[in-house]
Amino acid sequence: MQKSGFTLIELLISLSLLLVVLAVASDLIVSNQRVANTTVLRNQIAEDARLSILRMTEIVSQSAYIYPAGQTITLSGFSVNTSSGLVVLVPWESPYCNDNNLAGNAAYKTYYCGFIYRVEPRAPYAAKLGNVSNTTGQVLVEYRYRWVSWPTNTTPITNWTALSAPSVGVVADSVDTANTDLVGNLQLAARSSPVDTGLKNDTSVTTSSANALIWAVQPQVGLALTYGQTSLSINRSEVMYARAIPRVADPGTGF
């Protein structure tokens, strides 16, 4: 009389096949999770790059002056060269250069807010950004200084050491310095200024001349992250136009 059931060999074969199936399923789940995480990170840095360019565009579009390349802005404790850092002046009472308690006060209309964008090490900002190991270790930082003076028919000041302490914020994390150019494609203004006659737009000046009139810039921001063995990166660039370059009225009477 035959007994129905599985022999030991059949059970072992079945178990082996089950383990193979489970291993394949596990690898598939891990692979899908890795693809999902990679997609999330790629979308994250793409959005971060977009927002950083948007922020800079908002500021530059309100600016009345873009510093030419090759100028050194002296600050308390450090300096910024405009060949690598973007520096602009935004008129008082613009949306990003305004204090409600001083709004409408004519005494402040001759002043500007100076905005600086530059790449710095991430470490001083890690407490707020979080201690993670998959970044480039570099961040894009914005400084805003108030009370920058720009008298008529002069080049704006480059020594800002007497100004009050700035407000500082990180615009983008994990900057890819090899693919970041904050002062790309500077463009000279198309006409001279009736107010600041010392500033030129003729053939005697270039975009790195101290008296050059710059009306547009095309920054590029590159961001990068690593996820396991995968490197993720994205570059974002935009042409940004200043407003009222050159100035057409004395400070305090118009922009």
Protein backbone atom coordinates (compact mmCIF):
# COMPACT_ATOMS: atom_id res chain seq x y z
CA MET A 1 0.00 0.00 0.00
CA GLN A 2 1.46 3.38 -1.11
CA LYS A 3 1.39 6.36 1.19
CA SER A 4 0.71 9.85 -0.28
CA GLY A 5 2.90 12.82 0.70
CA PHE A 6 6.29 14.41 0.04
CA THR A 7 9.59 12.75 0.41
CA LEU A 8 12.43 14.54 2.21
CA ILE A 9 14.13 15.26 -1.10
CA GLU A 10 10.97 16.81 -2.51
CA LEU A 11 10.61 18.99 0.57
CA LEU A 12 14.19 20.17 0.30
CA ILE A 13 13.74 20.98 -3.39
CA SER A 14 10.53 22.89 -2.61
CA LEU A 15 12.23 24.82 0.15
CA SER A 16 15.13 25.67 -2.15
CA LEU A 17 12.77 26.94 -4.82
CA LEU A 18 10.88 28.97 -2.22
CA LEU A 19 14.12 30.55 -1.00
CA VAL A 20 15.04 31.46 -4.58
CA VAL A 21 11.64 33.06 -5.11
CA LEU A 22 11.89 34.96 -1.83
CA ALA A 23 15.40 36.15 -2.69
CA VAL A 24 14.27 37.39 -6.09
CA ALA A 25 11.23 39.09 -4.54
CA SER A 26 13.41 40.68 -1.86
CA ASP A 27 15.88 41.98 -4.44
CA LEU A 28 12.98 43.36 -6.48
CA ILE A 29 11.54 45.16 -3.44
CA VAL A 30 14.94 46.60 -2.50
CA SER A 31 15.57 47.66 -6.09
CA ASN A 32 12.18 49.33 -6.36
CA GLN A 33 12.76 51.10 -3.05
CA ARG A 34 16.17 52.28 -4.24
CA VAL A 35 14.65 53.62 -7.48
CA ALA A 36 11.89 55.36 -5.50
CA ASN A 37 14.39 56.96 -3.10
CA THR A 38 16.61 58.04 -5.99
CA THR A 39 13.63 59.63 -7.72
CA VAL A 40 12.65 61.48 -4.54
CA LEU A 41 16.18 62.83 -4.08
CA ARG A 42 16.47 63.81 -7.74
CA ASN A 43 13.17 65.69 -7.52
CA GLN A 44 14.32 67.30 -4.27
CA ILE A 45 17.53 68.78 -5.68
CA ALA A 46 15.70 69.83 -8.85
CA GLU A 47 13.18 71.75 -6.76
CA ASP A 48 15.93 73.21 -4.55
CA ALA A 49 17.79 74.44 -7.64
CA ARG A 50 14.59 75.94 -9.05
CA LEU A 51 13.78 77.76 -5.82
CA SER A 52 17.32 79.12 -5.45
CA ILE A 53 17.21 80.58 -8.95
CA LEU A 54 13.73 81.96 -8.28
CA ARG A 55 14.94 83.69 -5.12
CA MET A 56 17.89 85.27 -6.90
CA THR A 57 15.67 86.35 -9.79
CA GLU A 58 13.30 88.13 -7.39
CA ILE A 59 16.17 90.09 -5.86
CA VAL A 60 17.99 90.92 -9.10
CA SER A 61 14.76 92.03 -10.78
CA GLN A 62 14.35 94.69 -8.07
CA SER A 63 17.97 95.80 -8.07
CA ALA A 64 19.16 99.19 -9.30
CA TYR A 65 22.77 98.10 -9.66
CA ILE A 66 24.73 94.93 -10.36
CA TYR A 67 28.37 95.12 -9.35
CA PRO A 68 30.76 94.44 -12.26
CA ALA A 69 33.08 91.45 -12.13
CA GLY A 70 36.43 91.76 -10.41
CA GLN A 71 35.36 94.12 -7.61
CA THR A 72 36.19 93.32 -3.99
CA ILE A 73 33.48 94.02 -1.42
CA THR A 74 35.14 94.44 1.96
CA LEU A 75 33.06 93.29 4.91
CA SER A 76 33.64 92.80 8.62
CA GLY A 77 35.76 89.69 8.87
CA PHE A 78 35.81 88.68 5.22
CA SER A 79 35.55 89.96 1.66
CA VAL A 80 33.71 88.94 -1.49
CA ASN A 81 35.05 89.18 -5.02
CA THR A 82 32.38 89.81 -7.61
CA SER A 83 34.06 87.47 -10.07
CA SER A 84 32.67 84.58 -8.02
CA GLY A 85 29.98 86.19 -5.83
CA LEU A 86 26.94 88.09 -7.06
CA VAL A 87 26.42 91.51 -5.45
CA VAL A 88 23.50 93.85 -6.19
CA LEU A 89 21.89 96.97 -4.71
CA VAL A 90 18.13 97.07 -4.15
CA PRO A 91 16.43 100.47 -3.64
CA TRP A 92 14.84 101.32 -0.32
CA GLU A 93 11.12 100.48 0.01
CA SER A 94 11.40 97.64 -2.47
CA PRO A 95 9.66 94.50 -1.15
CA TYR A 96 12.97 93.01 -0.01
CA CYS A 97 14.45 96.30 1.25
CA ASN A 98 11.86 97.64 3.63
CA ASP A 99 11.09 98.02 7.31
CA ASN A 100 7.48 98.81 8.13
CA ASN A 101 8.33 101.31 10.84
CA LEU A 102 10.39 103.35 8.36
CA ALA A 103 8.14 103.01 5.33
CA GLY A 104 7.49 106.33 3.67
CA ASN A 105 10.31 108.10 5.52
CA ALA A 106 12.04 110.19 2.86
CA ALA A 107 15.28 110.25 4.84
CA TYR A 108 15.88 106.61 3.96
CA LYS A 109 15.12 106.77 0.25
CA THR A 110 18.71 107.55 -0.65
CA TYR A 111 19.90 104.24 0.78
CA TYR A 112 19.97 100.76 -0.66
CA CYS A 113 20.07 97.19 0.55
CA GLY A 114 23.10 95.27 -0.57
CA PHE A 115 22.52 91.60 -1.38
CA ILE A 116 25.42 89.18 -1.66
CA TYR A 117 25.25 85.61 -2.97
CA ARG A 118 28.24 83.37 -2.51
CA VAL A 119 29.15 79.71 -1.95
CA GLU A 120 30.45 78.79 1.51
CA PRO A 121 31.29 75.67 3.54
CA ARG A 122 28.23 73.94 4.97
CA ALA A 123 29.65 73.26 8.43
CA PRO A 124 28.65 76.59 10.10
CA TYR A 125 25.03 75.99 9.02
CA ALA A 126 24.84 72.26 9.83
CA ALA A 127 22.94 72.83 13.07
CA LYS A 128 20.00 74.18 11.08
CA LEU A 129 20.39 72.10 7.94
CA GLY A 130 21.08 68.81 9.69
CA ASN A 131 24.20 66.67 9.91
CA VAL A 132 24.07 64.51 6.80
CA SER A 133 26.93 62.91 4.91
CA ASN A 134 25.59 62.77 1.36
CA THR A 135 26.01 66.47 0.48
CA THR A 136 28.88 68.29 -1.22
CA GLY A 137 29.65 70.22 1.96
CA GLN A 138 28.98 73.55 0.24
CA VAL A 139 25.95 75.87 0.42
CA LEU A 140 24.69 78.98 -1.39
CA VAL A 141 24.30 81.80 1.12
CA GLU A 142 22.47 85.13 0.90
CA TYR A 143 23.56 88.20 2.87
CA ARG A 144 21.42 91.32 3.14
CA TYR A 145 23.05 94.54 4.33
CA ARG A 146 21.05 97.70 4.99
CA TRP A 147 21.97 101.35 4.60
CA VAL A 148 24.33 101.07 1.64
CA SER A 149 24.99 104.58 0.34
CA TRP A 150 25.25 105.37 -3.37
CA PRO A 151 25.59 109.13 -3.95
CA THR A 152 24.85 110.60 -7.36
CA ASN A 153 27.53 110.27 -10.03
CA THR A 154 29.71 107.85 -8.09
CA THR A 155 30.40 104.17 -8.27
CA PRO A 156 28.72 102.39 -5.35
CA ILE A 157 30.89 101.79 -2.32
CA THR A 158 32.86 98.57 -2.00
CA ASN A 159 33.83 98.98 1.67
CA TRP A 160 30.87 97.80 3.74
CA THR A 161 32.69 97.36 7.06
CA ALA A 162 30.79 100.26 8.67
CA LEU A 163 27.38 98.74 7.92
CA SER A 164 25.28 96.96 10.53
CA ALA A 165 25.43 93.19 10.80
CA PRO A 166 23.58 91.54 7.91
CA SER A 167 20.73 89.07 7.84
CA VAL A 168 22.06 85.74 6.57
CA GLY A 169 20.29 82.72 5.13
CA VAL A 170 21.04 79.57 3.17
CA VAL A 171 19.47 79.63 -0.28
CA ALA A 172 20.51 76.14 -1.40
CA ASP A 173 22.21 73.14 0.21
CA SER A 174 24.76 70.78 -1.34
CA VAL A 175 26.11 73.10 -4.03
CA ASP A 176 28.17 71.57 -6.82
CA THR A 177 30.93 74.18 -7.14
CA ALA A 178 32.18 72.76 -10.45
CA ASN A 179 28.82 73.55 -12.06
CA THR A 180 27.96 76.78 -10.24
CA ASP A 181 28.66 80.25 -11.67
CA LEU A 182 26.87 83.07 -9.89
CA VAL A 183 28.05 85.84 -12.22
CA GLY A 184 27.78 84.21 -15.62
CA ASN A 185 27.14 86.16 -18.81
CA LEU A 186 27.17 89.71 -17.44
CA GLN A 187 25.70 92.18 -19.95
CA LEU A 188 26.40 95.89 -20.27
CA ALA A 189 23.51 98.35 -20.23
CA ALA A 190 22.37 99.70 -23.55
CA ARG A 191 22.57 103.39 -22.62
CA SER A 192 24.35 105.83 -20.34
CA SER A 193 22.93 107.23 -17.13
CA PRO A 194 21.76 110.86 -17.00
CA VAL A 195 22.46 110.83 -13.26
CA ASP A 196 25.61 108.77 -12.81
CA THR A 197 27.73 110.11 -15.65
CA GLY A 198 30.85 108.47 -14.24
CA LEU A 199 29.37 105.09 -15.09
CA LYS A 200 29.89 104.12 -18.69
CA ASN A 201 28.41 101.81 -21.24
CA ASP A 202 30.71 102.64 -24.17
CA THR A 203 33.51 100.66 -25.79
CA SER A 204 36.05 101.89 -23.22
CA VAL A 205 34.65 99.58 -20.54
CA THR A 206 34.10 95.88 -20.10
CA THR A 207 31.96 93.91 -17.67
CA SER A 208 34.92 93.89 -15.26
CA SER A 209 35.52 97.66 -15.34
CA ALA A 210 34.79 99.42 -12.05
CA ASN A 211 32.65 102.02 -13.82
CA ALA A 212 30.71 99.55 -15.98
CA LEU A 213 26.93 99.62 -16.10
CA ILE A 214 25.62 96.04 -15.85
CA TRP A 215 21.96 95.37 -16.50
CA ALA A 216 21.76 91.57 -16.72
CA VAL A 217 23.40 88.45 -15.35
CA GLN A 218 22.89 84.71 -15.90
CA PRO A 219 23.73 82.75 -12.75
CA GLN A 220 23.93 78.98 -12.83
CA VAL A 221 23.39 76.91 -9.70
CA GLY A 222 24.51 73.29 -9.63
CA LEU A 223 23.41 70.94 -6.86
CA ALA A 224 24.56 67.39 -6.17
CA LEU A 225 23.81 64.55 -3.74
CA THR A 226 24.94 60.97 -3.35
CA TYR A 227 22.69 58.02 -2.55
CA GLY A 228 24.65 54.85 -2.00
CA GLN A 229 26.76 54.44 -5.10
CA THR A 230 24.56 56.77 -7.13
CA SER A 231 25.52 60.40 -7.76
CA LEU A 232 22.70 62.82 -8.47
CA SER A 233 23.18 66.30 -9.88
CA ILE A 234 21.25 69.08 -11.55
CA ASN A 235 22.07 72.50 -12.97
CA ARG A 236 19.69 75.42 -13.24
CA SER A 237 20.35 78.72 -14.99
CA GLU A 238 18.34 81.86 -15.73
CA VAL A 239 18.96 85.26 -17.30
CA MET A 240 18.11 87.91 -14.70
CA TYR A 241 17.48 91.55 -15.55
CA ALA A 242 17.89 94.43 -13.12
CA ARG A 243 15.33 97.22 -13.06
CA ALA A 244 16.25 100.81 -13.90
CA ILE A 245 19.78 100.28 -15.09
CA PRO A 246 21.06 102.90 -15.36
CA ARG A 247 19.42 105.16 -12.79
CA VAL A 248 17.38 107.89 -14.40
CA ALA A 249 16.78 110.06 -11.32
CA ASP A 250 18.64 111.29 -8.26
CA PRO A 251 18.53 109.02 -5.21
CA GLY A 252 15.41 109.61 -3.18
CA THR A 253 13.43 110.96 -6.14
CA GLY A 254 13.05 107.79 -8.16
CA PHE A 255 14.66 104.51 -9.15
